[in-house]
N, C-alpha and C. Protein backbone atom coordinates (compact mmCIF):
# COMPACT_ATOMS: atom_id res chain seq x y z
N MET A 1 3.19 -13.23 3.25
CA MET A 1 2.22 -12.30 2.70
C MET A 1 1.73 -12.85 1.37
N GLU A 2 0.43 -12.71 1.18
CA GLU A 2 -0.19 -13.12 -0.08
C GLU A 2 -1.18 -12.04 -0.48
N ILE A 3 -1.19 -11.69 -1.77
CA ILE A 3 -2.10 -10.68 -2.28
C ILE A 3 -3.14 -11.36 -3.18
N LYS A 4 -4.39 -11.07 -2.90
CA LYS A 4 -5.49 -11.62 -3.69
C LYS A 4 -6.28 -10.45 -4.27
N VAL A 5 -6.44 -10.44 -5.58
CA VAL A 5 -7.22 -9.38 -6.24
C VAL A 5 -8.69 -9.68 -6.05
N LEU A 6 -9.39 -8.72 -5.45
CA LEU A 6 -10.83 -8.86 -5.23
C LEU A 6 -11.64 -8.16 -6.31
N GLU A 7 -11.08 -7.06 -6.82
CA GLU A 7 -11.76 -6.28 -7.85
C GLU A 7 -10.70 -5.51 -8.64
N GLN A 8 -10.81 -5.54 -9.95
CA GLN A 8 -9.86 -4.81 -10.78
C GLN A 8 -10.58 -4.24 -11.99
N GLU A 9 -10.51 -2.92 -12.11
CA GLU A 9 -11.07 -2.21 -13.25
C GLU A 9 -10.01 -1.26 -13.77
N LYS A 10 -10.37 -0.48 -14.76
CA LYS A 10 -9.41 0.43 -15.38
C LYS A 10 -8.75 1.36 -14.36
N ASN A 11 -9.54 1.99 -13.51
CA ASN A 11 -9.01 2.96 -12.56
C ASN A 11 -9.26 2.57 -11.10
N LYS A 12 -9.53 1.28 -10.87
CA LYS A 12 -9.87 0.85 -9.51
C LYS A 12 -9.24 -0.52 -9.24
N LEU A 13 -8.67 -0.65 -8.03
CA LEU A 13 -8.07 -1.91 -7.62
C LEU A 13 -8.42 -2.15 -6.16
N LYS A 14 -8.87 -3.36 -5.87
CA LYS A 14 -9.21 -3.75 -4.50
C LYS A 14 -8.53 -5.10 -4.26
N ILE A 15 -7.63 -5.12 -3.25
CA ILE A 15 -6.87 -6.33 -2.97
C ILE A 15 -6.94 -6.68 -1.49
N GLU A 16 -6.80 -7.96 -1.22
CA GLU A 16 -6.71 -8.45 0.15
C GLU A 16 -5.25 -8.84 0.38
N ILE A 17 -4.69 -8.40 1.51
CA ILE A 17 -3.30 -8.68 1.81
C ILE A 17 -3.26 -9.60 3.03
N THR A 18 -3.14 -10.88 2.78
CA THR A 18 -3.14 -11.87 3.85
C THR A 18 -1.81 -11.85 4.60
N GLY A 19 -1.90 -11.90 5.92
CA GLY A 19 -0.70 -11.96 6.74
C GLY A 19 -0.15 -10.60 7.13
N GLU A 20 -0.86 -9.52 6.83
CA GLU A 20 -0.41 -8.18 7.19
C GLU A 20 -1.43 -7.49 8.08
N THR A 21 -1.04 -6.35 8.63
CA THR A 21 -1.88 -5.61 9.55
C THR A 21 -1.90 -4.13 9.20
N HIS A 22 -2.31 -3.32 10.16
CA HIS A 22 -2.36 -1.87 9.97
C HIS A 22 -1.00 -1.29 9.58
N THR A 23 0.06 -1.86 10.11
CA THR A 23 1.40 -1.29 9.91
C THR A 23 1.73 -1.11 8.43
N LEU A 24 1.66 -2.18 7.68
CA LEU A 24 1.98 -2.10 6.26
C LEU A 24 0.93 -1.30 5.50
N CYS A 25 -0.33 -1.51 5.80
CA CYS A 25 -1.40 -0.84 5.06
C CYS A 25 -1.37 0.68 5.25
N ASN A 26 -1.09 1.14 6.47
CA ASN A 26 -0.97 2.58 6.70
C ASN A 26 0.18 3.17 5.90
N ALA A 27 1.30 2.47 5.86
CA ALA A 27 2.46 2.96 5.11
C ALA A 27 2.14 3.04 3.62
N ILE A 28 1.52 2.01 3.08
CA ILE A 28 1.16 2.01 1.66
C ILE A 28 0.15 3.12 1.36
N ARG A 29 -0.85 3.24 2.21
CA ARG A 29 -1.87 4.28 2.01
C ARG A 29 -1.24 5.67 2.00
N ASN A 30 -0.35 5.93 2.94
CA ASN A 30 0.31 7.24 2.98
C ASN A 30 1.13 7.50 1.73
N GLU A 31 1.82 6.50 1.23
CA GLU A 31 2.59 6.67 0.00
C GLU A 31 1.67 6.92 -1.19
N LEU A 32 0.56 6.22 -1.24
CA LEU A 32 -0.39 6.41 -2.34
C LEU A 32 -0.95 7.84 -2.34
N TRP A 33 -1.18 8.40 -1.16
CA TRP A 33 -1.70 9.77 -1.07
C TRP A 33 -0.72 10.79 -1.65
N ASN A 34 0.54 10.46 -1.74
CA ASN A 34 1.54 11.36 -2.33
C ASN A 34 1.45 11.40 -3.85
N ASN A 35 0.72 10.49 -4.45
CA ASN A 35 0.56 10.41 -5.90
C ASN A 35 -0.67 11.25 -6.30
N LYS A 36 -0.45 12.29 -7.10
CA LYS A 36 -1.52 13.21 -7.49
C LYS A 36 -2.62 12.52 -8.31
N SER A 37 -2.31 11.41 -8.95
CA SER A 37 -3.30 10.69 -9.74
C SER A 37 -4.24 9.84 -8.88
N VAL A 38 -3.85 9.58 -7.65
CA VAL A 38 -4.67 8.74 -6.76
C VAL A 38 -5.78 9.58 -6.16
N GLU A 39 -7.02 9.15 -6.38
CA GLU A 39 -8.19 9.84 -5.84
C GLU A 39 -8.63 9.24 -4.52
N ILE A 40 -8.53 7.92 -4.40
CA ILE A 40 -8.91 7.22 -3.17
C ILE A 40 -7.83 6.20 -2.85
N ALA A 41 -7.39 6.21 -1.60
CA ALA A 41 -6.46 5.21 -1.09
C ALA A 41 -6.83 4.94 0.35
N GLY A 42 -7.24 3.75 0.61
CA GLY A 42 -7.64 3.40 1.97
C GLY A 42 -7.68 1.90 2.13
N TYR A 43 -7.89 1.50 3.37
CA TYR A 43 -8.00 0.07 3.62
C TYR A 43 -9.00 -0.17 4.74
N GLN A 44 -9.44 -1.40 4.81
CA GLN A 44 -10.38 -1.80 5.84
C GLN A 44 -9.85 -3.09 6.47
N LEU A 45 -9.87 -3.13 7.79
CA LEU A 45 -9.46 -4.32 8.52
C LEU A 45 -10.51 -4.57 9.59
N GLU A 46 -11.34 -5.56 9.35
CA GLU A 46 -12.45 -5.84 10.26
C GLU A 46 -11.95 -6.15 11.67
N HIS A 47 -11.05 -7.11 11.78
CA HIS A 47 -10.48 -7.47 13.08
C HIS A 47 -9.09 -8.06 12.83
N PRO A 48 -8.06 -7.50 13.44
CA PRO A 48 -6.69 -7.94 13.14
C PRO A 48 -6.39 -9.39 13.50
N MET A 49 -7.17 -9.98 14.38
CA MET A 49 -6.92 -11.37 14.77
C MET A 49 -7.57 -12.39 13.83
N VAL A 50 -8.61 -11.99 13.13
CA VAL A 50 -9.35 -12.98 12.33
C VAL A 50 -9.57 -12.58 10.87
N SER A 51 -9.11 -11.41 10.46
CA SER A 51 -9.32 -11.01 9.07
C SER A 51 -8.06 -10.38 8.50
N SER A 52 -8.06 -10.23 7.20
CA SER A 52 -6.94 -9.60 6.49
C SER A 52 -7.38 -8.24 5.97
N PRO A 53 -6.45 -7.30 5.88
CA PRO A 53 -6.83 -5.98 5.38
C PRO A 53 -7.17 -6.02 3.89
N VAL A 54 -8.11 -5.17 3.53
CA VAL A 54 -8.50 -4.99 2.12
C VAL A 54 -8.12 -3.56 1.75
N LEU A 55 -7.22 -3.44 0.78
CA LEU A 55 -6.73 -2.15 0.31
C LEU A 55 -7.47 -1.74 -0.95
N MET A 56 -7.94 -0.48 -0.98
CA MET A 56 -8.68 0.03 -2.14
C MET A 56 -7.93 1.22 -2.73
N ILE A 57 -7.77 1.22 -4.04
CA ILE A 57 -7.09 2.31 -4.74
C ILE A 57 -7.94 2.70 -5.94
N GLU A 58 -8.20 4.00 -6.06
CA GLU A 58 -8.85 4.53 -7.26
C GLU A 58 -8.00 5.67 -7.78
N THR A 59 -7.79 5.69 -9.08
CA THR A 59 -6.95 6.71 -9.69
C THR A 59 -7.72 7.49 -10.73
N GLU A 60 -7.18 8.66 -11.05
CA GLU A 60 -7.79 9.49 -12.09
C GLU A 60 -7.31 9.08 -13.47
N LYS A 61 -6.00 8.94 -13.64
CA LYS A 61 -5.43 8.65 -14.96
C LYS A 61 -4.54 7.40 -14.94
N GLU A 62 -3.77 7.26 -13.90
CA GLU A 62 -2.77 6.20 -13.81
C GLU A 62 -3.41 4.84 -13.51
N ASP A 63 -2.81 3.79 -14.00
CA ASP A 63 -3.23 2.43 -13.67
C ASP A 63 -3.03 2.24 -12.16
N PRO A 64 -4.06 1.81 -11.42
CA PRO A 64 -3.92 1.67 -9.97
C PRO A 64 -2.85 0.66 -9.56
N LYS A 65 -2.63 -0.35 -10.38
CA LYS A 65 -1.57 -1.32 -10.09
C LYS A 65 -0.20 -0.63 -10.15
N LYS A 66 -0.03 0.24 -11.13
CA LYS A 66 1.23 0.98 -11.26
C LYS A 66 1.40 1.92 -10.06
N ALA A 67 0.32 2.54 -9.62
CA ALA A 67 0.38 3.42 -8.44
C ALA A 67 0.81 2.62 -7.21
N LEU A 68 0.29 1.41 -7.07
CA LEU A 68 0.66 0.54 -5.94
C LEU A 68 2.14 0.16 -6.03
N LEU A 69 2.60 -0.20 -7.21
CA LEU A 69 4.01 -0.56 -7.38
C LEU A 69 4.93 0.63 -7.08
N ASN A 70 4.52 1.82 -7.51
CA ASN A 70 5.31 3.02 -7.23
C ASN A 70 5.36 3.30 -5.73
N ALA A 71 4.24 3.11 -5.04
CA ALA A 71 4.20 3.32 -3.59
C ALA A 71 5.11 2.32 -2.88
N ALA A 72 5.09 1.07 -3.33
CA ALA A 72 5.96 0.05 -2.73
C ALA A 72 7.44 0.38 -2.96
N SER A 73 7.77 0.86 -4.15
CA SER A 73 9.16 1.25 -4.44
C SER A 73 9.60 2.42 -3.57
N SER A 74 8.71 3.37 -3.39
CA SER A 74 9.02 4.53 -2.55
C SER A 74 9.25 4.10 -1.10
N LEU A 75 8.41 3.21 -0.60
CA LEU A 75 8.58 2.69 0.76
C LEU A 75 9.90 1.95 0.90
N LYS A 76 10.25 1.17 -0.10
CA LYS A 76 11.50 0.42 -0.07
C LYS A 76 12.69 1.37 0.06
N LYS A 77 12.65 2.48 -0.69
CA LYS A 77 13.73 3.45 -0.63
C LYS A 77 13.79 4.12 0.74
N LYS A 78 12.63 4.48 1.27
CA LYS A 78 12.60 5.13 2.58
C LYS A 78 13.13 4.20 3.67
N ILE A 79 12.78 2.93 3.60
CA ILE A 79 13.26 1.96 4.59
C ILE A 79 14.77 1.76 4.46
N SER A 80 15.25 1.74 3.22
CA SER A 80 16.69 1.63 2.99
C SER A 80 17.43 2.83 3.58
N ASP A 81 16.88 4.02 3.36
CA ASP A 81 17.48 5.23 3.92
C ASP A 81 17.47 5.20 5.45
N LEU A 82 16.39 4.73 6.03
CA LEU A 82 16.29 4.62 7.48
C LEU A 82 17.34 3.65 8.02
N ARG A 83 17.49 2.55 7.34
CA ARG A 83 18.49 1.55 7.77
C ARG A 83 19.90 2.14 7.74
N LYS A 84 20.21 2.89 6.68
CA LYS A 84 21.53 3.52 6.59
C LYS A 84 21.75 4.48 7.74
N GLN A 85 20.74 5.27 8.07
CA GLN A 85 20.86 6.20 9.18
C GLN A 85 20.99 5.47 10.51
N ALA A 86 20.24 4.40 10.67
CA ALA A 86 20.31 3.61 11.91
C ALA A 86 21.67 2.94 12.06
N ASP A 87 22.25 2.49 10.95
CA ASP A 87 23.57 1.87 11.00
C ASP A 87 24.64 2.85 11.50
N LYS A 88 24.45 4.12 11.23
CA LYS A 88 25.41 5.13 11.67
C LYS A 88 25.35 5.32 13.20
N LEU A 89 24.26 4.87 13.83
CA LEU A 89 24.11 5.02 15.27
C LEU A 89 24.96 4.04 16.05
N LYS A 90 25.44 2.99 15.41
CA LYS A 90 26.21 1.94 16.10
C LYS A 90 27.54 2.44 16.59
């Protein structure tokens, strides 16, 4: 995975995530929607075979980069919790 910044302003961030698909972008978008400071969270993927998703974040007060980092941390915790629960199934 590689992240390329396409646009960065005070309350707006647009990045391209090379090597990823809908799976990761949907998860990130959903986590971003849980942040009350996030006004827009979405992504665009022209074609999964030939393009990379572009994630857009706009915030009211919070730095959009910080909102993205918080969403990633939240996802990491949820995945860790899922793994612990799955391990109990063995």
